[in-house]
N, C-alpha and C. Protein backbone atom coordinates (compact mmCIF):
# COMPACT_ATOMS: atom_id res chain seq x y z
N UNK A 1 -20.04 -5.23 -70.47
CA UNK A 1 -20.88 -6.41 -70.46
C UNK A 1 -21.05 -6.97 -71.88
N UNK A 2 -21.26 -6.05 -72.83
CA UNK A 2 -21.43 -6.46 -74.21
C UNK A 2 -20.17 -7.13 -74.75
N UNK A 3 -19.02 -6.58 -74.38
CA UNK A 3 -17.75 -7.15 -74.83
C UNK A 3 -17.51 -8.53 -74.23
N UNK A 4 -17.89 -8.70 -72.97
CA UNK A 4 -17.71 -9.99 -72.31
C UNK A 4 -18.59 -11.04 -72.98
N UNK A 5 -19.83 -10.68 -73.29
CA UNK A 5 -20.73 -11.61 -73.96
C UNK A 5 -20.21 -11.97 -75.34
N UNK A 6 -19.75 -10.99 -76.09
CA UNK A 6 -19.20 -11.24 -77.42
C UNK A 6 -17.96 -12.12 -77.33
N UNK A 7 -17.07 -11.82 -76.39
CA UNK A 7 -15.84 -12.60 -76.21
C UNK A 7 -16.16 -14.04 -75.83
N UNK A 8 -17.13 -14.21 -74.95
CA UNK A 8 -17.49 -15.54 -74.48
C UNK A 8 -18.15 -16.36 -75.58
N UNK A 9 -19.10 -15.78 -76.28
CA UNK A 9 -19.80 -16.52 -77.33
C UNK A 9 -18.96 -16.73 -78.57
N UNK A 10 -17.83 -16.08 -78.66
CA UNK A 10 -16.96 -16.26 -79.82
C UNK A 10 -16.15 -17.55 -79.72
N UNK A 11 -15.95 -18.06 -78.54
CA UNK A 11 -15.12 -19.26 -78.36
C UNK A 11 -15.97 -20.53 -78.52
N UNK A 12 -15.50 -21.49 -79.32
CA UNK A 12 -16.27 -22.72 -79.55
C UNK A 12 -16.56 -23.51 -78.26
N UNK A 13 -15.65 -23.46 -77.30
CA UNK A 13 -15.89 -24.17 -76.04
C UNK A 13 -17.14 -23.63 -75.35
N UNK A 14 -17.24 -22.33 -75.24
CA UNK A 14 -18.39 -21.72 -74.56
C UNK A 14 -19.67 -21.88 -75.37
N UNK A 15 -19.56 -21.89 -76.68
CA UNK A 15 -20.73 -22.14 -77.52
C UNK A 15 -21.27 -23.54 -77.26
N UNK A 16 -20.36 -24.51 -77.23
CA UNK A 16 -20.78 -25.89 -77.00
C UNK A 16 -21.37 -26.05 -75.60
N UNK A 17 -20.72 -25.49 -74.59
CA UNK A 17 -21.24 -25.61 -73.23
C UNK A 17 -22.61 -24.94 -73.10
N UNK A 18 -22.76 -23.77 -73.68
CA UNK A 18 -24.03 -23.06 -73.61
C UNK A 18 -25.15 -23.89 -74.22
N UNK A 19 -24.92 -24.41 -75.41
CA UNK A 19 -25.99 -25.15 -76.08
C UNK A 19 -26.21 -26.53 -75.48
N UNK A 20 -25.18 -27.13 -74.88
CA UNK A 20 -25.40 -28.37 -74.14
C UNK A 20 -26.27 -28.11 -72.91
N UNK A 21 -25.99 -27.02 -72.22
CA UNK A 21 -26.78 -26.69 -71.04
C UNK A 21 -28.20 -26.26 -71.39
N UNK A 22 -28.39 -25.69 -72.56
CA UNK A 22 -29.72 -25.28 -73.00
C UNK A 22 -30.53 -26.48 -73.49
N UNK A 23 -29.86 -27.50 -73.99
CA UNK A 23 -30.55 -28.67 -74.53
C UNK A 23 -31.40 -29.36 -73.46
N UNK A 24 -30.88 -29.49 -72.26
CA UNK A 24 -31.59 -30.22 -71.21
C UNK A 24 -32.90 -29.52 -70.83
N UNK A 25 -32.91 -28.21 -70.52
CA UNK A 25 -34.19 -27.58 -70.21
C UNK A 25 -35.17 -27.57 -71.39
N UNK A 26 -34.65 -27.44 -72.60
CA UNK A 26 -35.53 -27.47 -73.77
C UNK A 26 -36.21 -28.82 -73.87
N UNK A 27 -35.45 -29.89 -73.64
CA UNK A 27 -36.05 -31.23 -73.66
C UNK A 27 -37.08 -31.40 -72.56
N UNK A 28 -36.77 -30.91 -71.38
CA UNK A 28 -37.71 -31.05 -70.27
C UNK A 28 -38.98 -30.23 -70.50
N UNK A 29 -38.83 -29.02 -71.03
CA UNK A 29 -39.99 -28.16 -71.27
C UNK A 29 -40.84 -28.61 -72.46
N UNK A 30 -40.21 -29.18 -73.47
CA UNK A 30 -40.96 -29.60 -74.65
C UNK A 30 -41.69 -30.92 -74.44
N UNK A 31 -41.28 -31.68 -73.45
CA UNK A 31 -41.87 -33.00 -73.11
C UNK A 31 -42.18 -33.83 -74.36
N UNK A 32 -41.12 -34.34 -75.00
CA UNK A 32 -41.32 -35.15 -76.21
C UNK A 32 -42.10 -36.43 -75.89
N UNK A 33 -42.81 -36.92 -76.89
CA UNK A 33 -43.66 -38.11 -76.71
C UNK A 33 -42.88 -39.42 -76.82
N UNK A 34 -41.79 -39.41 -77.59
CA UNK A 34 -40.99 -40.63 -77.73
C UNK A 34 -39.51 -40.28 -77.85
N UNK A 35 -38.69 -41.31 -77.88
CA UNK A 35 -37.24 -41.11 -77.91
C UNK A 35 -36.78 -40.43 -79.20
N UNK A 36 -37.43 -40.75 -80.30
CA UNK A 36 -37.05 -40.12 -81.57
C UNK A 36 -37.27 -38.61 -81.53
N UNK A 37 -38.35 -38.17 -80.92
CA UNK A 37 -38.61 -36.73 -80.79
C UNK A 37 -37.56 -36.07 -79.92
N UNK A 38 -37.15 -36.75 -78.87
CA UNK A 38 -36.12 -36.20 -77.98
C UNK A 38 -34.80 -36.05 -78.73
N UNK A 39 -34.43 -37.06 -79.51
CA UNK A 39 -33.20 -36.97 -80.29
C UNK A 39 -33.29 -35.85 -81.33
N UNK A 40 -34.47 -35.67 -81.90
CA UNK A 40 -34.65 -34.62 -82.90
C UNK A 40 -34.48 -33.23 -82.27
N UNK A 41 -35.02 -33.04 -81.08
CA UNK A 41 -34.86 -31.76 -80.38
C UNK A 41 -33.39 -31.52 -80.05
N UNK A 42 -32.70 -32.56 -79.59
CA UNK A 42 -31.27 -32.43 -79.31
C UNK A 42 -30.49 -32.13 -80.59
N UNK A 43 -30.93 -32.71 -81.70
CA UNK A 43 -30.29 -32.43 -82.99
C UNK A 43 -30.48 -30.98 -83.42
N UNK A 44 -31.65 -30.42 -83.15
CA UNK A 44 -31.88 -29.00 -83.46
C UNK A 44 -30.98 -28.10 -82.62
N UNK A 45 -30.77 -28.47 -81.37
CA UNK A 45 -29.85 -27.69 -80.52
C UNK A 45 -28.43 -27.79 -81.06
N UNK A 46 -28.05 -28.96 -81.54
CA UNK A 46 -26.73 -29.13 -82.14
C UNK A 46 -26.60 -28.28 -83.41
N UNK A 47 -27.65 -28.25 -84.20
CA UNK A 47 -27.62 -27.43 -85.41
C UNK A 47 -27.53 -25.94 -85.06
N UNK A 48 -28.14 -25.54 -83.96
CA UNK A 48 -28.00 -24.15 -83.50
C UNK A 48 -26.55 -23.87 -83.12
N UNK A 49 -25.89 -24.86 -82.50
CA UNK A 49 -24.46 -24.73 -82.19
C UNK A 49 -23.66 -24.52 -83.47
N UNK A 50 -23.95 -25.30 -84.49
CA UNK A 50 -23.21 -25.19 -85.74
C UNK A 50 -23.42 -23.81 -86.38
N UNK A 51 -24.66 -23.34 -86.40
CA UNK A 51 -24.94 -22.03 -87.00
C UNK A 51 -24.23 -20.92 -86.21
N UNK A 52 -24.33 -20.97 -84.89
CA UNK A 52 -23.66 -19.97 -84.05
C UNK A 52 -22.15 -20.01 -84.28
N UNK A 53 -21.62 -21.21 -84.39
CA UNK A 53 -20.19 -21.40 -84.60
C UNK A 53 -19.74 -20.86 -85.94
N UNK A 54 -20.51 -21.10 -86.98
CA UNK A 54 -20.15 -20.63 -88.32
C UNK A 54 -20.23 -19.10 -88.39
N UNK A 55 -21.25 -18.52 -87.78
CA UNK A 55 -21.38 -17.06 -87.78
C UNK A 55 -20.23 -16.43 -87.00
N UNK A 56 -19.88 -17.02 -85.87
CA UNK A 56 -18.80 -16.47 -85.03
C UNK A 56 -17.45 -16.57 -85.72
N UNK A 57 -17.31 -17.49 -86.67
CA UNK A 57 -16.02 -17.63 -87.34
C UNK A 57 -15.67 -16.40 -88.17
N UNK A 58 -16.68 -15.69 -88.65
CA UNK A 58 -16.40 -14.49 -89.45
C UNK A 58 -15.56 -13.49 -88.66
N UNK A 59 -15.75 -13.45 -87.34
CA UNK A 59 -15.06 -12.48 -86.49
C UNK A 59 -13.76 -13.00 -85.90
N UNK A 60 -13.39 -14.22 -86.23
CA UNK A 60 -12.16 -14.78 -85.65
C UNK A 60 -10.93 -14.22 -86.36
N UNK A 61 -9.85 -14.15 -85.62
CA UNK A 61 -8.59 -13.64 -86.16
C UNK A 61 -7.79 -14.78 -86.79
N UNK A 62 -7.67 -15.86 -86.08
CA UNK A 62 -6.93 -17.04 -86.55
C UNK A 62 -7.91 -18.03 -87.17
N UNK A 63 -8.09 -17.93 -88.48
CA UNK A 63 -9.11 -18.72 -89.17
C UNK A 63 -8.92 -20.23 -89.01
N UNK A 64 -7.71 -20.70 -89.27
CA UNK A 64 -7.48 -22.14 -89.23
C UNK A 64 -7.52 -22.67 -87.81
N UNK A 65 -7.02 -21.94 -86.87
CA UNK A 65 -7.09 -22.37 -85.47
C UNK A 65 -8.56 -22.48 -85.05
N UNK A 66 -9.36 -21.49 -85.40
CA UNK A 66 -10.79 -21.52 -85.07
C UNK A 66 -11.47 -22.70 -85.76
N UNK A 67 -11.08 -22.97 -87.00
CA UNK A 67 -11.65 -24.09 -87.75
C UNK A 67 -11.43 -25.41 -87.01
N UNK A 68 -10.19 -25.67 -86.62
CA UNK A 68 -9.90 -26.95 -85.97
C UNK A 68 -10.48 -27.02 -84.56
N UNK A 69 -10.49 -25.91 -83.83
CA UNK A 69 -11.16 -25.89 -82.53
C UNK A 69 -12.65 -26.18 -82.69
N UNK A 70 -13.26 -25.58 -83.69
CA UNK A 70 -14.68 -25.77 -83.93
C UNK A 70 -15.01 -27.22 -84.23
N UNK A 71 -14.23 -27.83 -85.09
CA UNK A 71 -14.47 -29.23 -85.42
C UNK A 71 -14.25 -30.12 -84.19
N UNK A 72 -13.23 -29.82 -83.42
CA UNK A 72 -12.95 -30.60 -82.21
C UNK A 72 -14.10 -30.50 -81.21
N UNK A 73 -14.59 -29.30 -80.98
CA UNK A 73 -15.69 -29.14 -80.02
C UNK A 73 -17.00 -29.66 -80.58
N UNK A 74 -17.14 -29.69 -81.88
CA UNK A 74 -18.32 -30.28 -82.49
C UNK A 74 -18.35 -31.79 -82.24
N UNK A 75 -17.21 -32.43 -82.39
CA UNK A 75 -17.12 -33.86 -82.10
C UNK A 75 -17.32 -34.12 -80.62
N UNK A 76 -16.73 -33.28 -79.77
CA UNK A 76 -16.91 -33.42 -78.32
C UNK A 76 -18.38 -33.23 -77.94
N UNK A 77 -19.05 -32.29 -78.59
CA UNK A 77 -20.47 -32.05 -78.34
C UNK A 77 -21.28 -33.32 -78.60
N UNK A 78 -21.00 -33.95 -79.72
CA UNK A 78 -21.73 -35.17 -80.08
C UNK A 78 -21.43 -36.30 -79.09
N UNK A 79 -20.18 -36.42 -78.66
CA UNK A 79 -19.85 -37.46 -77.69
C UNK A 79 -20.55 -37.22 -76.36
N UNK A 80 -20.61 -35.98 -75.92
CA UNK A 80 -21.28 -35.67 -74.65
C UNK A 80 -22.78 -35.90 -74.77
N UNK A 81 -23.37 -35.48 -75.87
CA UNK A 81 -24.81 -35.65 -76.04
C UNK A 81 -25.16 -37.14 -76.18
N UNK A 82 -24.22 -37.93 -76.68
CA UNK A 82 -24.44 -39.38 -76.78
C UNK A 82 -24.51 -40.03 -75.40
N UNK A 83 -23.90 -39.41 -74.42
CA UNK A 83 -23.97 -39.91 -73.04
C UNK A 83 -25.21 -39.35 -72.34
N UNK A 84 -25.50 -38.07 -72.57
CA UNK A 84 -26.61 -37.41 -71.87
C UNK A 84 -27.98 -37.90 -72.34
N UNK A 85 -28.15 -38.06 -73.63
CA UNK A 85 -29.48 -38.38 -74.17
C UNK A 85 -30.04 -39.71 -73.68
N UNK A 86 -29.29 -40.81 -73.66
CA UNK A 86 -29.88 -42.04 -73.13
C UNK A 86 -30.30 -41.90 -71.66
N UNK A 87 -29.55 -41.13 -70.90
CA UNK A 87 -29.91 -40.90 -69.49
C UNK A 87 -31.22 -40.12 -69.42
N UNK A 88 -31.34 -39.06 -70.22
CA UNK A 88 -32.57 -38.28 -70.23
C UNK A 88 -33.76 -39.09 -70.73
N UNK A 89 -33.53 -39.93 -71.71
CA UNK A 89 -34.62 -40.77 -72.24
C UNK A 89 -35.12 -41.72 -71.17
N UNK A 90 -34.20 -42.29 -70.39
CA UNK A 90 -34.62 -43.17 -69.29
C UNK A 90 -35.32 -42.40 -68.18
N UNK A 91 -34.81 -41.21 -67.85
CA UNK A 91 -35.44 -40.40 -66.80
C UNK A 91 -36.84 -39.94 -67.19
N UNK A 92 -37.02 -39.59 -68.45
CA UNK A 92 -38.32 -39.14 -68.93
C UNK A 92 -39.24 -40.31 -69.28
N UNK A 93 -38.70 -41.53 -69.25
CA UNK A 93 -39.46 -42.75 -69.54
C UNK A 93 -40.14 -42.67 -70.91
N UNK A 94 -39.33 -42.36 -71.90
CA UNK A 94 -39.85 -42.23 -73.26
C UNK A 94 -39.82 -43.58 -73.97
N UNK A 95 -40.82 -43.79 -74.81
CA UNK A 95 -40.88 -45.02 -75.58
C UNK A 95 -39.97 -44.92 -76.80
N UNK A 96 -39.50 -46.04 -77.25
CA UNK A 96 -38.65 -46.07 -78.43
C UNK A 96 -37.30 -46.68 -78.11
N UNK A 97 -36.54 -46.89 -79.16
CA UNK A 97 -35.23 -47.53 -79.01
C UNK A 97 -34.24 -46.62 -78.31
N UNK A 98 -34.39 -45.34 -78.47
CA UNK A 98 -33.46 -44.41 -77.83
C UNK A 98 -32.13 -44.31 -78.54
N UNK A 99 -32.08 -44.77 -79.78
CA UNK A 99 -30.81 -44.76 -80.51
C UNK A 99 -30.87 -43.91 -81.78
N UNK A 100 -31.91 -43.15 -81.94
CA UNK A 100 -32.08 -42.38 -83.17
C UNK A 100 -31.30 -41.08 -83.11
N UNK A 101 -30.19 -41.06 -83.76
CA UNK A 101 -29.34 -39.86 -83.76
C UNK A 101 -29.11 -39.35 -85.17
N UNK A 102 -30.07 -39.57 -86.05
CA UNK A 102 -29.90 -39.17 -87.45
C UNK A 102 -29.74 -37.66 -87.61
N UNK A 103 -30.30 -36.88 -86.70
CA UNK A 103 -30.19 -35.42 -86.79
C UNK A 103 -28.74 -34.97 -86.67
N UNK A 104 -27.90 -35.80 -86.09
CA UNK A 104 -26.51 -35.44 -85.89
C UNK A 104 -25.65 -35.72 -87.12
N UNK A 105 -26.24 -36.28 -88.16
CA UNK A 105 -25.51 -36.42 -89.42
C UNK A 105 -25.22 -35.06 -90.04
N UNK A 106 -25.86 -34.04 -89.50
CA UNK A 106 -25.63 -32.67 -89.94
C UNK A 106 -24.17 -32.27 -89.74
N UNK A 107 -23.41 -33.04 -88.95
CA UNK A 107 -22.00 -32.71 -88.69
C UNK A 107 -21.19 -32.68 -89.98
N UNK A 108 -21.61 -33.41 -90.99
CA UNK A 108 -20.84 -33.43 -92.23
C UNK A 108 -20.85 -32.07 -92.92
N UNK A 109 -21.84 -31.22 -92.60
CA UNK A 109 -21.91 -29.89 -93.20
C UNK A 109 -21.15 -28.84 -92.40
N UNK A 110 -20.75 -29.16 -91.19
CA UNK A 110 -20.07 -28.19 -90.35
C UNK A 110 -18.75 -27.71 -90.97
N UNK A 111 -17.84 -28.61 -91.36
CA UNK A 111 -16.60 -28.13 -91.97
C UNK A 111 -16.84 -27.36 -93.27
N UNK A 112 -17.84 -27.77 -94.03
CA UNK A 112 -18.14 -27.08 -95.29
C UNK A 112 -18.58 -25.65 -95.01
N UNK A 113 -19.45 -25.47 -94.02
CA UNK A 113 -19.90 -24.13 -93.66
C UNK A 113 -18.76 -23.26 -93.18
N UNK A 114 -17.88 -23.83 -92.37
CA UNK A 114 -16.73 -23.07 -91.88
C UNK A 114 -15.80 -22.67 -93.03
N UNK A 115 -15.58 -23.59 -93.96
CA UNK A 115 -14.72 -23.28 -95.10
C UNK A 115 -15.34 -22.23 -96.02
N UNK A 116 -16.66 -22.26 -96.18
CA UNK A 116 -17.33 -21.25 -97.00
C UNK A 116 -17.16 -19.87 -96.38
N UNK A 117 -17.30 -19.79 -95.05
CA UNK A 117 -17.12 -18.49 -94.38
C UNK A 117 -15.67 -18.03 -94.52
N UNK A 118 -14.72 -18.95 -94.40
CA UNK A 118 -13.31 -18.57 -94.56
C UNK A 118 -13.06 -18.04 -95.97
N UNK A 119 -13.63 -18.71 -96.97
CA UNK A 119 -13.47 -18.29 -98.35
C UNK A 119 -14.12 -16.93 -98.59
N UNK A 120 -15.33 -16.74 -98.06
CA UNK A 120 -16.03 -15.46 -98.22
C UNK A 120 -15.26 -14.33 -97.55
N UNK A 121 -14.69 -14.61 -96.39
CA UNK A 121 -13.91 -13.58 -95.69
C UNK A 121 -12.64 -13.25 -96.48
N UNK A 122 -12.03 -14.26 -97.06
CA UNK A 122 -10.82 -14.05 -97.87
C UNK A 122 -11.16 -13.18 -99.08
N UNK A 123 -12.26 -13.50 -99.76
CA UNK A 123 -12.68 -12.70 -100.92
C UNK A 123 -12.99 -11.27 -100.50
N UNK A 124 -13.69 -11.12 -99.39
CA UNK A 124 -14.06 -9.79 -98.90
C UNK A 124 -12.83 -8.92 -98.66
N UNK A 125 -11.81 -9.50 -98.02
CA UNK A 125 -10.61 -8.72 -97.73
C UNK A 125 -9.72 -8.53 -98.96
N UNK A 126 -9.81 -9.40 -99.95
CA UNK A 126 -9.07 -9.21 -101.19
C UNK A 126 -9.67 -8.06 -102.00
N UNK A 127 -10.98 -7.96 -102.00
CA UNK A 127 -11.65 -6.90 -102.74
C UNK A 127 -11.47 -5.55 -102.05
N UNK A 128 -11.56 -5.54 -100.73
CA UNK A 128 -11.44 -4.28 -99.98
C UNK A 128 -10.01 -3.93 -99.91
């Protein structure tokens, strides 16, 4: 069971799906007061995806393949959340423009974090 969980959470596709599916209940349970708060909560879930993804990269065998898969699923995550959030904002009848996605600018740090982990892993194996 532990191996299955590790194997599943190691893949960027499953990380993205897990956190997309977790975003909806978190939004419903937190009951944000306006659309900006809802986007902020969704942005925090996206940042959790990035952190999980960067940590999981340390254990990957094919560094560059994992890097490009991660970036691809990160972009796909944002595209999917761009469709889901306006629907949720309308369903929850939240006030506001419903277009505040500034929390997703965090995507610019995703490749940097992945590259830092790749560099740290390279140094670690060069020293050992």
